[in-house]
C-alpha atoms as a PDB file:
ATOM      1  CA  MET A   1     -15.539  63.400 -98.278  1.00  0.00           C
ATOM      2  CA  ASN A   2     -13.223  64.422 -95.657  1.00  0.00           C
ATOM      3  CA  ASP A   3     -15.585  68.030 -95.334  1.00  0.00           C
ATOM      4  CA  PHE A   4     -18.873  67.803 -94.408  1.00  0.00           C
ATOM      5  CA  LEU A   5     -20.447  71.192 -91.928  1.00  0.00           C
ATOM      6  CA  GLY A   6     -17.272  72.582 -92.001  1.00  0.00           C
ATOM      7  CA  VAL A   7     -15.328  69.683 -90.095  1.00  0.00           C
ATOM      8  CA  ASP A   8     -12.778  68.072 -91.673  1.00  0.00           C
ATOM      9  CA  TRP A   9     -13.364  64.344 -90.320  1.00  0.00           C
ATOM     10  CA  THR A  10      -9.634  63.025 -90.144  1.00  0.00           C
ATOM     11  CA  ASP A  11      -8.530  66.095 -87.697  1.00  0.00           C
ATOM     12  CA  PRO A  12      -9.829  65.258 -84.255  1.00  0.00           C
ATOM     13  CA  SER A  13      -9.753  69.231 -83.059  1.00  0.00           C
ATOM     14  CA  SER A  14     -12.392  69.312 -85.447  1.00  0.00           C
ATOM     15  CA  LEU A  15     -14.877  66.887 -83.354  1.00  0.00           C
ATOM     16  CA  GLY A  16     -15.937  69.614 -81.464  1.00  0.00           C
ATOM     17  CA  TYR A  17     -18.505  69.947 -83.964  1.00  0.00           C
ATOM     18  CA  PRO A  18     -20.169  67.198 -84.271  1.00  0.00           C
ATOM     19  CA  LEU A  19     -20.381  66.342 -80.393  1.00  0.00           C
ATOM     20  CA  LEU A  20     -21.849  70.048 -80.333  1.00  0.00           C
ATOM     21  CA  PHE A  21     -24.770  69.140 -83.178  1.00  0.00           C
ATOM     22  CA  ALA A  22     -25.349  65.736 -80.749  1.00  0.00           C
ATOM     23  CA  GLY A  23     -25.530  67.096 -78.061  1.00  0.00           C
ATOM     24  CA  VAL A  24     -27.787  70.441 -79.157  1.00  0.00           C
ATOM     25  CA  LEU A  25     -29.788  66.642 -81.161  1.00  0.00           C
ATOM     26  CA  ILE A  26     -30.323  64.759 -78.616  1.00  0.00           C
ATOM     27  CA  GLY A  27     -31.490  67.731 -75.761  1.00  0.00           C
ATOM     28  CA  SER A  28     -34.019  69.025 -78.458  1.00  0.00           C
ATOM     29  CA  ILE A  29     -35.742  65.534 -78.318  1.00  0.00           C
ATOM     30  CA  VAL A  30     -34.768  63.786 -75.106  1.00  0.00           C
ATOM     31  CA  PRO A  31     -34.956  67.135 -72.537  1.00  0.00           C
ATOM     32  CA  VAL A  32     -32.494  66.365 -70.308  1.00  0.00           C
ATOM     33  CA  LEU A  33     -29.385  67.895 -71.403  1.00  0.00           C
ATOM     34  CA  PRO A  34     -29.218  71.645 -70.772  1.00  0.00           C
ATOM     35  CA  THR A  35     -28.949  72.444 -74.841  1.00  0.00           C
ATOM     36  CA  GLY A  36     -28.235  76.215 -74.062  1.00  0.00           C
ATOM     37  CA  ALA A  37     -25.062  75.640 -71.909  1.00  0.00           C
ATOM     38  CA  VAL A  38     -23.866  72.901 -74.841  1.00  0.00           C
ATOM     39  CA  VAL A  39     -24.092  76.384 -77.208  1.00  0.00           C
ATOM     40  CA  GLY A  40     -23.179  78.891 -75.208  1.00  0.00           C
ATOM     41  CA  ALA A  41     -19.623  76.587 -73.874  1.00  0.00           C
ATOM     42  CA  GLY A  42     -19.334  76.184 -77.720  1.00  0.00           C
ATOM     43  CA  ALA A  43     -19.430  80.008 -77.955  1.00  0.00           C
ATOM     44  CA  ALA A  44     -17.291  80.371 -75.115  1.00  0.00           C
ATOM     45  CA  ILE A  45     -14.130  78.317 -76.703  1.00  0.00           C
ATOM     46  CA  ALA A  46     -14.876  79.529 -80.456  1.00  0.00           C
ATOM     47  CA  VAL A  47     -13.322  83.026 -78.841  1.00  0.00           C
ATOM     48  CA  SER A  48     -10.968  81.622 -75.954  1.00  0.00           C
ATOM     49  CA  GLY A  49      -8.306  80.595 -78.695  1.00  0.00           C
ATOM     50  CA  GLY A  50     -10.539  77.012 -79.426  1.00  0.00           C
ATOM     51  CA  ASP A  51     -10.564  75.412 -82.406  1.00  0.00           C
ATOM     52  CA  LEU A  52     -14.380  76.695 -83.161  1.00  0.00           C
ATOM     53  CA  ASN A  53     -15.863  78.988 -85.760  1.00  0.00           C
ATOM     54  CA  LEU A  54     -18.140  81.671 -83.681  1.00  0.00           C
ATOM     55  CA  VAL A  55     -20.608  81.512 -86.891  1.00  0.00           C
ATOM     56  CA  LEU A  56     -20.582  77.181 -87.044  1.00  0.00           C
ATOM     57  CA  VAL A  57     -21.452  77.214 -83.804  1.00  0.00           C
ATOM     58  CA  VAL A  58     -24.130  79.172 -84.875  1.00  0.00           C
ATOM     59  CA  LEU A  59     -25.665  77.216 -87.389  1.00  0.00           C
ATOM     60  CA  VAL A  60     -24.655  73.758 -86.345  1.00  0.00           C
ATOM     61  CA  SER A  61     -26.381  74.363 -83.212  1.00  0.00           C
ATOM     62  CA  THR A  62     -29.601  75.956 -84.926  1.00  0.00           C
ATOM     63  CA  LEU A  63     -29.463  72.464 -87.201  1.00  0.00           C
ATOM     64  CA  GLY A  64     -29.050  70.196 -84.199  1.00  0.00           C
ATOM     65  CA  ALA A  65     -32.230  72.515 -82.733  1.00  0.00           C
ATOM     66  CA  LEU A  66     -34.508  72.652 -86.066  1.00  0.00           C
ATOM     67  CA  ILE A  67     -34.207  68.924 -86.850  1.00  0.00           C
ATOM     68  CA  GLY A  68     -34.835  67.772 -82.507  1.00  0.00           C
ATOM     69  CA  ASP A  69     -37.949  70.258 -83.098  1.00  0.00           C
ATOM     70  CA  LEU A  70     -39.031  68.884 -86.008  1.00  0.00           C
ATOM     71  CA  VAL A  71     -39.081  65.657 -84.419  1.00  0.00           C
ATOM     72  CA  THR A  72     -40.949  66.885 -81.567  1.00  0.00           C
ATOM     73  CA  PHE A  73     -43.487  68.445 -83.697  1.00  0.00           C
ATOM     74  CA  GLY A  74     -43.665  65.086 -86.275  1.00  0.00           C
ATOM     75  CA  ALA A  75     -44.284  63.307 -82.815  1.00  0.00           C
ATOM     76  CA  GLY A  76     -47.542  65.412 -81.858  1.00  0.00           C
ATOM     77  CA  ARG A  77     -48.995  65.033 -85.895  1.00  0.00           C
ATOM     78  CA  SER A  78     -48.898  61.131 -85.149  1.00  0.00           C
ATOM     79  CA  GLY A  79     -51.275  60.801 -82.577  1.00  0.00           C
ATOM     80  CA  ARG A  80     -50.999  58.597 -80.225  1.00  0.00           C
ATOM     81  CA  GLY A  81     -47.940  57.010 -81.602  1.00  0.00           C
ATOM     82  CA  ALA A  82     -45.231  55.880 -78.401  1.00  0.00           C
ATOM     83  CA  LEU A  83     -43.206  58.851 -79.320  1.00  0.00           C
ATOM     84  CA  ALA A  84     -45.695  60.885 -78.796  1.00  0.00           C
ATOM     85  CA  ARG A  85     -46.975  59.230 -75.658  1.00  0.00           C
ATOM     86  CA  TRP A  86     -43.777  59.072 -73.930  1.00  0.00           C
ATOM     87  CA  PHE A  87     -43.767  63.133 -74.793  1.00  0.00           C
ATOM     88  CA  GLU A  88     -46.850  63.721 -73.303  1.00  0.00           C
ATOM     89  CA  ARG A  89     -46.029  61.316 -70.009  1.00  0.00           C
ATOM     90  CA  ARG A  90     -43.468  64.141 -69.723  1.00  0.00           C
ATOM     91  CA  GLN A  91     -45.637  67.500 -69.587  1.00  0.00           C
ATOM     92  CA  SER A  92     -48.659  68.322 -67.463  1.00  0.00           C
ATOM     93  CA  GLN A  93     -52.181  67.761 -68.950  1.00  0.00           C
ATOM     94  CA  GLU A  94     -52.832  71.696 -67.723  1.00  0.00           C
ATOM     95  CA  LYS A  95     -49.693  72.658 -70.022  1.00  0.00           C
ATOM     96  CA  LEU A  96     -50.723  70.971 -73.269  1.00  0.00           C
ATOM     97  CA  ASP A  97     -54.095  72.417 -73.001  1.00  0.00           C
ATOM     98  CA  ASN A  98     -52.892  75.651 -72.583  1.00  0.00           C
ATOM     99  CA  ALA A  99     -50.279  75.683 -75.677  1.00  0.00           C
ATOM    100  CA  ARG A 100     -53.272  74.232 -77.576  1.00  0.00           C
ATOM    101  CA  GLU A 101     -54.793  76.769 -76.614  1.00  0.00           C
ATOM    102  CA  LYS A 102     -52.684  79.872 -77.588  1.00  0.00           C
ATOM    103  CA  PHE A 103     -51.739  78.261 -80.656  1.00  0.00           C
ATOM    104  CA  VAL A 104     -55.062  78.989 -82.060  1.00  0.00           C
ATOM    105  CA  GLU A 105     -55.064  82.509 -81.779  1.00  0.00           C
ATOM    106  CA  ARG A 106     -50.727  82.884 -82.717  1.00  0.00           C
ATOM    107  CA  GLY A 107     -48.850  79.816 -82.928  1.00  0.00           C
ATOM    108  CA  TRP A 108     -45.504  81.046 -85.449  1.00  0.00           C
ATOM    109  CA  LEU A 109     -45.091  83.539 -82.362  1.00  0.00           C
ATOM    110  CA  LEU A 110     -45.832  80.697 -79.700  1.00  0.00           C
ATOM    111  CA  VAL A 111     -43.156  78.378 -81.453  1.00  0.00           C
ATOM    112  CA  VAL A 112     -40.851  81.382 -80.882  1.00  0.00           C
ATOM    113  CA  ILE A 113     -41.500  82.073 -77.470  1.00  0.00           C
ATOM    114  CA  GLY A 114     -41.743  77.991 -76.713  1.00  0.00           C
ATOM    115  CA  ARG A 115     -38.280  77.783 -78.046  1.00  0.00           C
ATOM    116  CA  MET A 116     -36.316  80.582 -75.726  1.00  0.00           C
ATOM    117  CA  VAL A 117     -38.826  79.988 -72.577  1.00  0.00           C
ATOM    118  CA  PRO A 118     -37.222  77.222 -70.272  1.00  0.00           C
ATOM    119  CA  ALA A 119     -39.383  73.686 -70.848  1.00  0.00           C
ATOM    120  CA  GLY A 120     -42.239  75.685 -72.912  1.00  0.00           C
ATOM    121  CA  ARG A 121     -41.246  73.547 -76.339  1.00  0.00           C
ATOM    122  CA  VAL A 122     -42.438  71.090 -76.092  1.00  0.00           C
ATOM    123  CA  PRO A 123     -45.747  71.451 -75.106  1.00  0.00           C
ATOM    124  CA  VAL A 124     -46.084  74.069 -77.550  1.00  0.00           C
ATOM    125  CA  LEU A 125     -44.749  71.775 -80.723  1.00  0.00           C
ATOM    126  CA  LEU A 126     -47.156  69.059 -79.535  1.00  0.00           C
ATOM    127  CA  ALA A 127     -49.958  71.385 -79.365  1.00  0.00           C
ATOM    128  CA  ALA A 128     -49.071  72.294 -82.828  1.00  0.00           C
ATOM    129  CA  GLY A 129     -49.322  68.605 -84.357  1.00  0.00           C
ATOM    130  CA  ALA A 130     -52.034  67.735 -82.330  1.00  0.00           C
ATOM    131  CA  LEU A 131     -53.810  70.700 -84.152  1.00  0.00           C
ATOM    132  CA  ASP A 132     -52.239  69.760 -87.859  1.00  0.00           C
ATOM    133  CA  TYR A 133     -50.255  72.905 -87.919  1.00  0.00           C
ATOM    134  CA  PRO A 134     -48.748  73.053 -91.499  1.00  0.00           C
ATOM    135  CA  TRP A 135     -45.661  71.782 -91.609  1.00  0.00           C
ATOM    136  CA  ARG A 136     -44.404  74.346 -94.152  1.00  0.00           C
ATOM    137  CA  ARG A 137     -45.477  77.251 -91.831  1.00  0.00           C
ATOM    138  CA  LEU A 138     -44.190  75.109 -88.715  1.00  0.00           C
ATOM    139  CA  VAL A 139     -40.438  74.394 -90.311  1.00  0.00           C
ATOM    140  CA  VAL A 140     -40.070  78.213 -91.445  1.00  0.00           C
ATOM    141  CA  ALA A 141     -40.994  79.729 -87.668  1.00  0.00           C
ATOM    142  CA  ALA A 142     -39.086  76.861 -86.084  1.00  0.00           C
ATOM    143  CA  THR A 143     -36.003  77.645 -87.927  1.00  0.00           C
ATOM    144  CA  GLY A 144     -36.216  81.411 -87.329  1.00  0.00           C
ATOM    145  CA  ALA A 145     -36.859  80.534 -83.387  1.00  0.00           C
ATOM    146  CA  CYS A 146     -33.959  78.148 -83.889  1.00  0.00           C
ATOM    147  CA  LEU A 147     -32.102  80.459 -85.227  1.00  0.00           C
ATOM    148  CA  LEU A 148     -32.628  83.276 -82.603  1.00  0.00           C
ATOM    149  CA  TRP A 149     -32.402  80.675 -79.913  1.00  0.00           C
ATOM    150  CA  ALA A 150     -28.624  79.910 -80.498  1.00  0.00           C
ATOM    151  CA  VAL A 151     -27.710  83.458 -81.254  1.00  0.00           C
ATOM    152  CA  ALA A 152     -28.826  84.507 -77.951  1.00  0.00           C
ATOM    153  CA  TYR A 153     -27.449  81.730 -75.798  1.00  0.00           C
ATOM    154  CA  SER A 154     -24.017  82.136 -78.295  1.00  0.00           C
ATOM    155  CA  THR A 155     -24.255  85.696 -77.006  1.00  0.00           C
ATOM    156  CA  LEU A 156     -24.091  84.712 -73.370  1.00  0.00           C
ATOM    157  CA  GLY A 157     -20.816  82.095 -73.833  1.00  0.00           C
ATOM    158  CA  VAL A 158     -19.044  84.973 -76.002  1.00  0.00           C
ATOM    159  CA  LEU A 159     -20.080  87.311 -72.723  1.00  0.00           C
ATOM    160  CA  SER A 160     -19.766  85.158 -69.791  1.00  0.00           C
ATOM    161  CA  GLY A 161     -16.885  83.088 -71.243  1.00  0.00           C
ATOM    162  CA  GLY A 162     -15.096  85.191 -73.797  1.00  0.00           C
ATOM    163  CA  LEU A 163     -12.824  87.327 -71.260  1.00  0.00           C
ATOM    164  CA  PHE A 164     -10.687  84.199 -70.477  1.00  0.00           C
ATOM    165  CA  ASP A 165      -8.197  82.989 -72.843  1.00  0.00           C
ATOM    166  CA  ASN A 166      -8.519  79.577 -71.521  1.00  0.00           C
ATOM    167  CA  PRO A 167     -10.769  77.676 -73.603  1.00  0.00           C
ATOM    168  CA  VAL A 168     -11.678  74.929 -71.071  1.00  0.00           C
ATOM    169  CA  VAL A 169     -12.325  78.055 -67.633  1.00  0.00           C
ATOM    170  CA  ALA A 170     -14.147  79.723 -70.584  1.00  0.00           C
ATOM    171  CA  THR A 171     -16.333  76.679 -70.947  1.00  0.00           C
ATOM    172  CA  VAL A 172     -17.013  75.678 -66.837  1.00  0.00           C
ATOM    173  CA  ILE A 173     -17.894  79.985 -66.560  1.00  0.00           C
ATOM    174  CA  ALA A 174     -20.692  79.854 -69.897  1.00  0.00           C
ATOM    175  CA  THR A 175     -21.812  76.834 -69.043  1.00  0.00           C
ATOM    176  CA  PHE A 176     -22.335  78.234 -64.993  1.00  0.00           C
ATOM    177  CA  VAL A 177     -23.961  81.719 -66.374  1.00  0.00           C
ATOM    178  CA  ILE A 178     -26.044  80.255 -68.840  1.00  0.00           C
ATOM    179  CA  MET A 179     -27.337  78.039 -66.391  1.00  0.00           C
ATOM    180  CA  ALA A 180     -27.924  79.984 -63.934  1.00  0.00           C
ATOM    181  CA  VAL A 181     -29.591  82.552 -66.860  1.00  0.00           C
ATOM    182  CA  THR A 182     -31.863  79.739 -67.635  1.00  0.00           C
ATOM    183  CA  LEU A 183     -32.456  79.187 -63.841  1.00  0.00           C
ATOM    184  CA  VAL A 184     -33.967  82.517 -63.413  1.00  0.00           C
ATOM    185  CA  VAL A 185     -35.701  83.089 -66.688  1.00  0.00           C
ATOM    186  CA  GLY A 186     -38.033  79.452 -65.493  1.00  0.00           C
ATOM    187  CA  LEU A 187     -38.698  80.833 -61.985  1.00  0.00           C
ATOM    188  CA  VAL A 188     -39.892  84.310 -62.843  1.00  0.00           C
ATOM    189  CA  SER A 189     -42.008  82.220 -66.397  1.00  0.00           C
ATOM    190  CA  ARG A 190     -43.427  80.500 -62.922  1.00  0.00           C
ATOM    191  CA  TRP A 191     -44.347  82.931 -61.086  1.00  0.00           C
ATOM    192  CA  ARG A 192     -46.150  84.764 -64.270  1.00  0.00           C
ATOM    193  CA  GLU A 193     -47.613  81.794 -64.738  1.00  0.00           C
ATOM    194  CA  ALA A 194     -48.993  81.485 -60.721  1.00  0.00           C
ATOM    195  CA  ARG A 195     -50.145  85.298 -60.889  1.00  0.00           C
ATOM    196  CA  ARG A 196     -51.999  84.970 -64.233  1.00  0.00           C
ATOM    197  CA  LYS A 197     -54.304  81.685 -63.214  1.00  0.00           C
ATOM    198  CA  ALA A 198     -54.621  83.507 -59.426  1.00  0.00           C
ATOM    199  CA  ARG A 199     -56.422  86.440 -61.281  1.00  0.00           C
ATOM    200  CA  ALA A 200     -58.016  83.960 -63.388  1.00  0.00           C
ATOM    201  CA  HIS A 201     -59.024  82.117 -59.944  1.00  0.00           C
ATOM    202  CA  ALA A 202     -59.359  85.494 -58.863  1.00  0.00           C
ATOM    203  CA  GLY A 203     -62.325  86.532 -61.493  1.00  0.00           C
ATOM    204  CA  THR A 204     -64.437  83.512 -61.350  1.00  0.00           C
ATOM    205  CA  LEU A 205     -65.098  84.366 -57.533  1.00  0.00           C
END
């Protein structure tokens, strides 16, 4: 079977899809890779004369992100397993407690927001697992969230890198822009959280 996931495995130029999938999957399980930048770079290549197809970039990215999210959720449901402990050590207890509290109120919406906000995905999914959120509902919410995320970052890649005919230049520009946008969104999120805590503290005085 030479053709799987739209990839001709006998054609080296098609290997961009497996690399895209692997980058998103690994970055979704081990949050050390900028997965948004990976998706944006793939989209930039697709619209700048590269060998990738934009629709397949979105679909492959969605699949990689979804599998990564399900692994994280599964770690949360496993309780005190090694993978769950590994994830929890990389999150503050305050973040985890806050996510668990909010998840009881609006679980599916929190899955979507957690996927879109930098550093929000892991605590939300661990909270979902710890609260025994149903697998069926989680898969539906995570699928929608991952698709929305892939479309959003692909759009950024198209807008920032699609103006260049050279795939290499388009990739560099798209990666830079997306990492800058991610940084700004993260800073705004932290600022809002700090303001929320300040108001809560003032209300207790």
